[in-house]
């Protein structure tokens, strides 16, 4: 089982960094105790809502759990940029239940969705930086289609160069290879 997440705290500066640390720490702590995605979101939501000192502080994550044997991927999106799936040369946003960001409302209810990744599929997660600066004018779906044949590492680099030529870009891509391989093969690390 592969657990993964992309998180982003609202704002910039020290208050945002502290909120991000609190949210990420809460998610890791409860996940390591075997909690599911909804329970992780509930716990982190309560922690961020209760312990941030800045009004309006919240965290927007995509939480994921991928069964590497079956390809079943559970995803919970709490106010983040929607994940995308590339399948057969086409890139499309995943339709997942909508959830409030963590820490926004103490009594929020969270829900997750599932997709079964097929061999050759790519799951693409990006930050909201893909909506800012030079990246805002990028047609992300068209760009993903144009780099779909690249090795995942090279595809991330190409996307980063195009979206943020002036600096780094956080991006994670999970590619499912042949059944049971988790995208590993000759030359892959």
C-alpha atoms as a PDB file:
ATOM      1  CA  UNK A   1       0.000   0.000   0.000  1.00  0.00           C
ATOM      2  CA  UNK A   2       1.368   3.403  -0.971  1.00  0.00           C
ATOM      3  CA  UNK A   3       0.200   6.436   1.011  1.00  0.00           C
ATOM      4  CA  UNK A   4       0.805   9.908  -0.443  1.00  0.00           C
ATOM      5  CA  UNK A   5      -0.351  13.481  -0.104  1.00  0.00           C
ATOM      6  CA  UNK A   6       0.142  16.961  -1.475  1.00  0.00           C
ATOM      7  CA  UNK A   7      -0.605  19.737   0.996  1.00  0.00           C
ATOM      8  CA  UNK A   8      -0.626  23.503   0.795  1.00  0.00           C
ATOM      9  CA  UNK A   9      -1.299  25.977   3.594  1.00  0.00           C
ATOM     10  CA  UNK A  10      -3.131  29.225   2.903  1.00  0.00           C
ATOM     11  CA  UNK A  11      -0.891  32.276   2.661  1.00  0.00           C
ATOM     12  CA  UNK A  12       2.813  32.864   2.930  1.00  0.00           C
ATOM     13  CA  UNK A  13       5.280  33.491   5.721  1.00  0.00           C
ATOM     14  CA  UNK A  14       5.741  32.087   9.199  1.00  0.00           C
ATOM     15  CA  UNK A  15       2.033  31.696  10.049  1.00  0.00           C
ATOM     16  CA  UNK A  16       1.473  29.697   6.875  1.00  0.00           C
ATOM     17  CA  UNK A  17       4.537  27.542   7.541  1.00  0.00           C
ATOM     18  CA  UNK A  18       3.319  26.782  11.074  1.00  0.00           C
ATOM     19  CA  UNK A  19      -0.146  25.893   9.767  1.00  0.00           C
ATOM     20  CA  UNK A  20       1.409  23.597   7.145  1.00  0.00           C
ATOM     21  CA  UNK A  21       3.567  21.910   9.783  1.00  0.00           C
ATOM     22  CA  UNK A  22       0.593  21.369  12.077  1.00  0.00           C
ATOM     23  CA  UNK A  23      -1.552  19.984   9.270  1.00  0.00           C
ATOM     24  CA  UNK A  24       1.127  17.678   7.886  1.00  0.00           C
ATOM     25  CA  UNK A  25       2.136  16.467  11.341  1.00  0.00           C
ATOM     26  CA  UNK A  26      -1.475  15.667  12.185  1.00  0.00           C
ATOM     27  CA  UNK A  27      -1.978  13.776   8.931  1.00  0.00           C
ATOM     28  CA  UNK A  28       1.182  11.710   9.416  1.00  0.00           C
ATOM     29  CA  UNK A  29       0.469  10.964  13.059  1.00  0.00           C
ATOM     30  CA  UNK A  30      -3.011   9.557  12.475  1.00  0.00           C
ATOM     31  CA  UNK A  31      -2.010   7.769   9.228  1.00  0.00           C
ATOM     32  CA  UNK A  32       0.793   5.947  11.048  1.00  0.00           C
ATOM     33  CA  UNK A  33      -1.821   4.630  13.466  1.00  0.00           C
ATOM     34  CA  UNK A  34      -3.640   2.983  10.562  1.00  0.00           C
ATOM     35  CA  UNK A  35      -6.419   5.538  10.016  1.00  0.00           C
ATOM     36  CA  UNK A  36      -8.188   5.808   6.680  1.00  0.00           C
ATOM     37  CA  UNK A  37      -8.317   8.950   4.555  1.00  0.00           C
ATOM     38  CA  UNK A  38     -11.512  10.311   6.098  1.00  0.00           C
ATOM     39  CA  UNK A  39     -10.204   9.783   9.640  1.00  0.00           C
ATOM     40  CA  UNK A  40      -6.927  11.498   8.661  1.00  0.00           C
ATOM     41  CA  UNK A  41      -8.832  14.501   7.325  1.00  0.00           C
ATOM     42  CA  UNK A  42     -11.065  14.638  10.424  1.00  0.00           C
ATOM     43  CA  UNK A  43      -8.073  14.600  12.800  1.00  0.00           C
ATOM     44  CA  UNK A  44      -6.062  17.175  10.864  1.00  0.00           C
ATOM     45  CA  UNK A  45      -9.130  19.384  10.459  1.00  0.00           C
ATOM     46  CA  UNK A  46      -9.665  19.409  14.231  1.00  0.00           C
ATOM     47  CA  UNK A  47      -5.972  20.105  14.927  1.00  0.00           C
ATOM     48  CA  UNK A  48      -5.698  22.976  12.442  1.00  0.00           C
ATOM     49  CA  UNK A  49      -9.008  24.504  13.523  1.00  0.00           C
ATOM     50  CA  UNK A  50      -8.111  24.295  17.211  1.00  0.00           C
ATOM     51  CA  UNK A  51      -4.425  25.195  17.258  1.00  0.00           C
ATOM     52  CA  UNK A  52      -3.711  27.781  14.579  1.00  0.00           C
ATOM     53  CA  UNK A  53      -3.339  31.242  16.001  1.00  0.00           C
ATOM     54  CA  UNK A  54      -4.263  33.065  12.803  1.00  0.00           C
ATOM     55  CA  UNK A  55      -7.903  33.425  11.846  1.00  0.00           C
ATOM     56  CA  UNK A  56      -8.582  31.964   8.410  1.00  0.00           C
ATOM     57  CA  UNK A  57      -5.655  29.557   8.473  1.00  0.00           C
ATOM     58  CA  UNK A  58      -6.312  26.321   6.660  1.00  0.00           C
ATOM     59  CA  UNK A  59      -4.644  23.551   4.666  1.00  0.00           C
ATOM     60  CA  UNK A  60      -5.699  22.204   1.275  1.00  0.00           C
ATOM     61  CA  UNK A  61      -4.544  18.611   0.739  1.00  0.00           C
ATOM     62  CA  UNK A  62      -5.065  15.737  -1.623  1.00  0.00           C
ATOM     63  CA  UNK A  63      -4.686  12.541   0.400  1.00  0.00           C
ATOM     64  CA  UNK A  64      -4.188   9.247  -1.374  1.00  0.00           C
ATOM     65  CA  UNK A  65      -3.836   5.543  -0.766  1.00  0.00           C
ATOM     66  CA  UNK A  66      -2.853   3.312  -3.690  1.00  0.00           C
ATOM     67  CA  UNK A  67      -3.048  -0.471  -3.580  1.00  0.00           C
ATOM     68  CA  UNK A  68      -0.060  -1.373  -5.744  1.00  0.00           C
ATOM     69  CA  UNK A  69      -1.392  -4.879  -6.463  1.00  0.00           C
ATOM     70  CA  UNK A  70      -4.862  -3.922  -7.679  1.00  0.00           C
ATOM     71  CA  UNK A  71      -4.403  -0.303  -8.815  1.00  0.00           C
ATOM     72  CA  UNK A  72      -7.307   0.861  -6.628  1.00  0.00           C
ATOM     73  CA  UNK A  73      -6.527   4.418  -5.568  1.00  0.00           C
ATOM     74  CA  UNK A  74      -8.582   6.146  -2.869  1.00  0.00           C
ATOM     75  CA  UNK A  75      -8.361   9.950  -2.956  1.00  0.00           C
ATOM     76  CA  UNK A  76      -9.652  12.695  -0.694  1.00  0.00           C
ATOM     77  CA  UNK A  77      -9.488  16.269  -1.948  1.00  0.00           C
ATOM     78  CA  UNK A  78     -10.016  18.979   0.679  1.00  0.00           C
ATOM     79  CA  UNK A  79     -10.075  22.222  -1.302  1.00  0.00           C
ATOM     80  CA  UNK A  80      -6.970  21.483  -3.385  1.00  0.00           C
ATOM     81  CA  UNK A  81      -6.394  21.599  -7.139  1.00  0.00           C
ATOM     82  CA  UNK A  82      -8.151  18.480  -8.490  1.00  0.00           C
ATOM     83  CA  UNK A  83      -5.925  15.503  -9.344  1.00  0.00           C
ATOM     84  CA  UNK A  84      -5.704  14.487 -12.983  1.00  0.00           C
ATOM     85  CA  UNK A  85      -5.433  11.080 -14.585  1.00  0.00           C
ATOM     86  CA  UNK A  86      -3.707  10.410 -17.881  1.00  0.00           C
ATOM     87  CA  UNK A  87      -5.088   7.380 -19.668  1.00  0.00           C
ATOM     88  CA  UNK A  88      -4.587   6.412 -23.290  1.00  0.00           C
ATOM     89  CA  UNK A  89      -2.916   9.719 -24.167  1.00  0.00           C
ATOM     90  CA  UNK A  90      -5.698  11.844 -22.679  1.00  0.00           C
ATOM     91  CA  UNK A  91      -5.576  13.852 -19.437  1.00  0.00           C
ATOM     92  CA  UNK A  92      -8.737  14.534 -17.448  1.00  0.00           C
ATOM     93  CA  UNK A  93      -9.466  15.922 -13.971  1.00  0.00           C
ATOM     94  CA  UNK A  94     -10.819  13.344 -11.540  1.00  0.00           C
ATOM     95  CA  UNK A  95     -14.298  13.925 -10.226  1.00  0.00           C
ATOM     96  CA  UNK A  96     -14.045  13.504  -6.471  1.00  0.00           C
ATOM     97  CA  UNK A  97     -16.358  14.485  -3.628  1.00  0.00           C
ATOM     98  CA  UNK A  98     -15.877  18.129  -2.705  1.00  0.00           C
ATOM     99  CA  UNK A  99     -14.595  18.844   0.781  1.00  0.00           C
ATOM    100  CA  UNK A 100     -13.749  21.978   2.731  1.00  0.00           C
ATOM    101  CA  UNK A 101     -10.075  22.738   3.425  1.00  0.00           C
ATOM    102  CA  UNK A 102      -8.718  21.396   6.704  1.00  0.00           C
ATOM    103  CA  UNK A 103      -9.229  23.862   9.536  1.00  0.00           C
ATOM    104  CA  UNK A 104     -11.857  25.966   7.778  1.00  0.00           C
ATOM    105  CA  UNK A 105     -14.874  24.537   9.616  1.00  0.00           C
ATOM    106  CA  UNK A 106     -14.585  22.493  12.797  1.00  0.00           C
ATOM    107  CA  UNK A 107     -17.622  20.332  12.028  1.00  0.00           C
ATOM    108  CA  UNK A 108     -16.839  19.621   8.358  1.00  0.00           C
ATOM    109  CA  UNK A 109     -17.605  16.132   7.027  1.00  0.00           C
ATOM    110  CA  UNK A 110     -15.092  14.554   4.657  1.00  0.00           C
ATOM    111  CA  UNK A 111     -15.627  12.026   1.875  1.00  0.00           C
ATOM    112  CA  UNK A 112     -13.267  10.236  -0.507  1.00  0.00           C
ATOM    113  CA  UNK A 113     -13.556   8.724  -3.961  1.00  0.00           C
ATOM    114  CA  UNK A 114     -11.800   5.892  -5.768  1.00  0.00           C
ATOM    115  CA  UNK A 115     -10.357   5.210  -9.175  1.00  0.00           C
ATOM    116  CA  UNK A 116      -8.795   2.008 -10.450  1.00  0.00           C
ATOM    117  CA  UNK A 117      -5.575   2.866 -12.225  1.00  0.00           C
ATOM    118  CA  UNK A 118      -4.840   0.717 -15.253  1.00  0.00           C
ATOM    119  CA  UNK A 119      -1.350  -0.231 -16.479  1.00  0.00           C
ATOM    120  CA  UNK A 120       0.114   2.842 -18.190  1.00  0.00           C
ATOM    121  CA  UNK A 121      -2.095   5.355 -16.337  1.00  0.00           C
ATOM    122  CA  UNK A 122      -0.528   8.364 -14.688  1.00  0.00           C
ATOM    123  CA  UNK A 123      -1.929  10.153 -11.678  1.00  0.00           C
ATOM    124  CA  UNK A 124      -0.915  13.818 -11.660  1.00  0.00           C
ATOM    125  CA  UNK A 125      -1.011  16.001  -8.551  1.00  0.00           C
ATOM    126  CA  UNK A 126      -0.048  19.672  -8.665  1.00  0.00           C
ATOM    127  CA  UNK A 127      -0.100  22.607  -6.264  1.00  0.00           C
ATOM    128  CA  UNK A 128      -2.039  25.825  -6.673  1.00  0.00           C
ATOM    129  CA  UNK A 129       1.174  27.307  -8.080  1.00  0.00           C
ATOM    130  CA  UNK A 130      -0.141  25.915 -11.367  1.00  0.00           C
ATOM    131  CA  UNK A 131      -2.758  28.692 -11.257  1.00  0.00           C
ATOM    132  CA  UNK A 132      -0.349  31.534 -10.461  1.00  0.00           C
ATOM    133  CA  UNK A 133       2.261  33.592 -12.297  1.00  0.00           C
ATOM    134  CA  UNK A 134       3.458  32.271 -15.631  1.00  0.00           C
ATOM    135  CA  UNK A 135       1.762  28.932 -14.963  1.00  0.00           C
ATOM    136  CA  UNK A 136      -1.696  30.563 -14.949  1.00  0.00           C
ATOM    137  CA  UNK A 137      -1.653  30.857 -18.746  1.00  0.00           C
ATOM    138  CA  UNK A 138      -0.549  27.236 -19.239  1.00  0.00           C
ATOM    139  CA  UNK A 139      -3.102  24.825 -20.683  1.00  0.00           C
ATOM    140  CA  UNK A 140      -2.248  22.061 -18.220  1.00  0.00           C
ATOM    141  CA  UNK A 141      -4.286  19.335 -19.929  1.00  0.00           C
ATOM    142  CA  UNK A 142      -2.707  20.063 -23.319  1.00  0.00           C
ATOM    143  CA  UNK A 143       0.764  20.172 -21.756  1.00  0.00           C
ATOM    144  CA  UNK A 144       0.230  16.824 -20.039  1.00  0.00           C
ATOM    145  CA  UNK A 145      -0.922  15.273 -23.304  1.00  0.00           C
ATOM    146  CA  UNK A 146       2.209  16.554 -25.047  1.00  0.00           C
ATOM    147  CA  UNK A 147       4.594  15.054 -22.453  1.00  0.00           C
ATOM    148  CA  UNK A 148       2.698  11.827 -21.816  1.00  0.00           C
ATOM    149  CA  UNK A 149       5.281   9.632 -23.532  1.00  0.00           C
ATOM    150  CA  UNK A 150       8.165  10.892 -21.378  1.00  0.00           C
ATOM    151  CA  UNK A 151       9.497   9.013 -18.356  1.00  0.00           C
ATOM    152  CA  UNK A 152       7.630  10.399 -15.306  1.00  0.00           C
ATOM    153  CA  UNK A 153      10.764  12.125 -13.955  1.00  0.00           C
ATOM    154  CA  UNK A 154      11.372  13.852 -17.291  1.00  0.00           C
ATOM    155  CA  UNK A 155       7.694  14.735 -17.647  1.00  0.00           C
ATOM    156  CA  UNK A 156       7.786  16.523 -14.263  1.00  0.00           C
ATOM    157  CA  UNK A 157      10.915  18.406 -15.311  1.00  0.00           C
ATOM    158  CA  UNK A 158       9.342  19.463 -18.626  1.00  0.00           C
ATOM    159  CA  UNK A 159       6.196  20.618 -16.852  1.00  0.00           C
ATOM    160  CA  UNK A 160       8.239  22.544 -14.281  1.00  0.00           C
ATOM    161  CA  UNK A 161      10.300  24.296 -16.966  1.00  0.00           C
ATOM    162  CA  UNK A 162       7.184  25.324 -18.857  1.00  0.00           C
ATOM    163  CA  UNK A 163       5.064  26.306 -15.866  1.00  0.00           C
ATOM    164  CA  UNK A 164       7.718  28.000 -13.739  1.00  0.00           C
ATOM    165  CA  UNK A 165      10.758  28.946 -15.781  1.00  0.00           C
ATOM    166  CA  UNK A 166      11.832  31.271 -12.959  1.00  0.00           C
ATOM    167  CA  UNK A 167      11.882  28.682 -10.165  1.00  0.00           C
ATOM    168  CA  UNK A 168      10.985  25.295  -8.728  1.00  0.00           C
ATOM    169  CA  UNK A 169       7.601  23.670  -8.927  1.00  0.00           C
ATOM    170  CA  UNK A 170       6.315  20.931  -6.669  1.00  0.00           C
ATOM    171  CA  UNK A 171       4.860  18.026  -8.591  1.00  0.00           C
ATOM    172  CA  UNK A 172       4.276  14.356  -7.972  1.00  0.00           C
ATOM    173  CA  UNK A 173       3.444  11.781 -10.602  1.00  0.00           C
ATOM    174  CA  UNK A 174       2.625   8.171  -9.903  1.00  0.00           C
ATOM    175  CA  UNK A 175       2.665   5.869 -12.915  1.00  0.00           C
ATOM    176  CA  UNK A 176       1.217   2.405 -12.724  1.00  0.00           C
ATOM    177  CA  UNK A 177       3.196  -0.032 -14.808  1.00  0.00           C
ATOM    178  CA  UNK A 178       2.340  -3.632 -15.650  1.00  0.00           C
ATOM    179  CA  UNK A 179       0.298  -5.465 -13.018  1.00  0.00           C
ATOM    180  CA  UNK A 180       2.148  -5.609  -9.718  1.00  0.00           C
ATOM    181  CA  UNK A 181       5.168  -3.595 -10.864  1.00  0.00           C
ATOM    182  CA  UNK A 182       4.184  -0.220  -9.385  1.00  0.00           C
ATOM    183  CA  UNK A 183       5.795   1.497 -12.364  1.00  0.00           C
ATOM    184  CA  UNK A 184       9.183  -0.120 -11.846  1.00  0.00           C
ATOM    185  CA  UNK A 185      11.134  -1.637 -14.649  1.00  0.00           C
ATOM    186  CA  UNK A 186      14.531  -1.556 -16.292  1.00  0.00           C
ATOM    187  CA  UNK A 187      16.153   1.816 -15.688  1.00  0.00           C
ATOM    188  CA  UNK A 188      13.431   3.027 -13.309  1.00  0.00           C
ATOM    189  CA  UNK A 189      14.113   3.949  -9.706  1.00  0.00           C
END
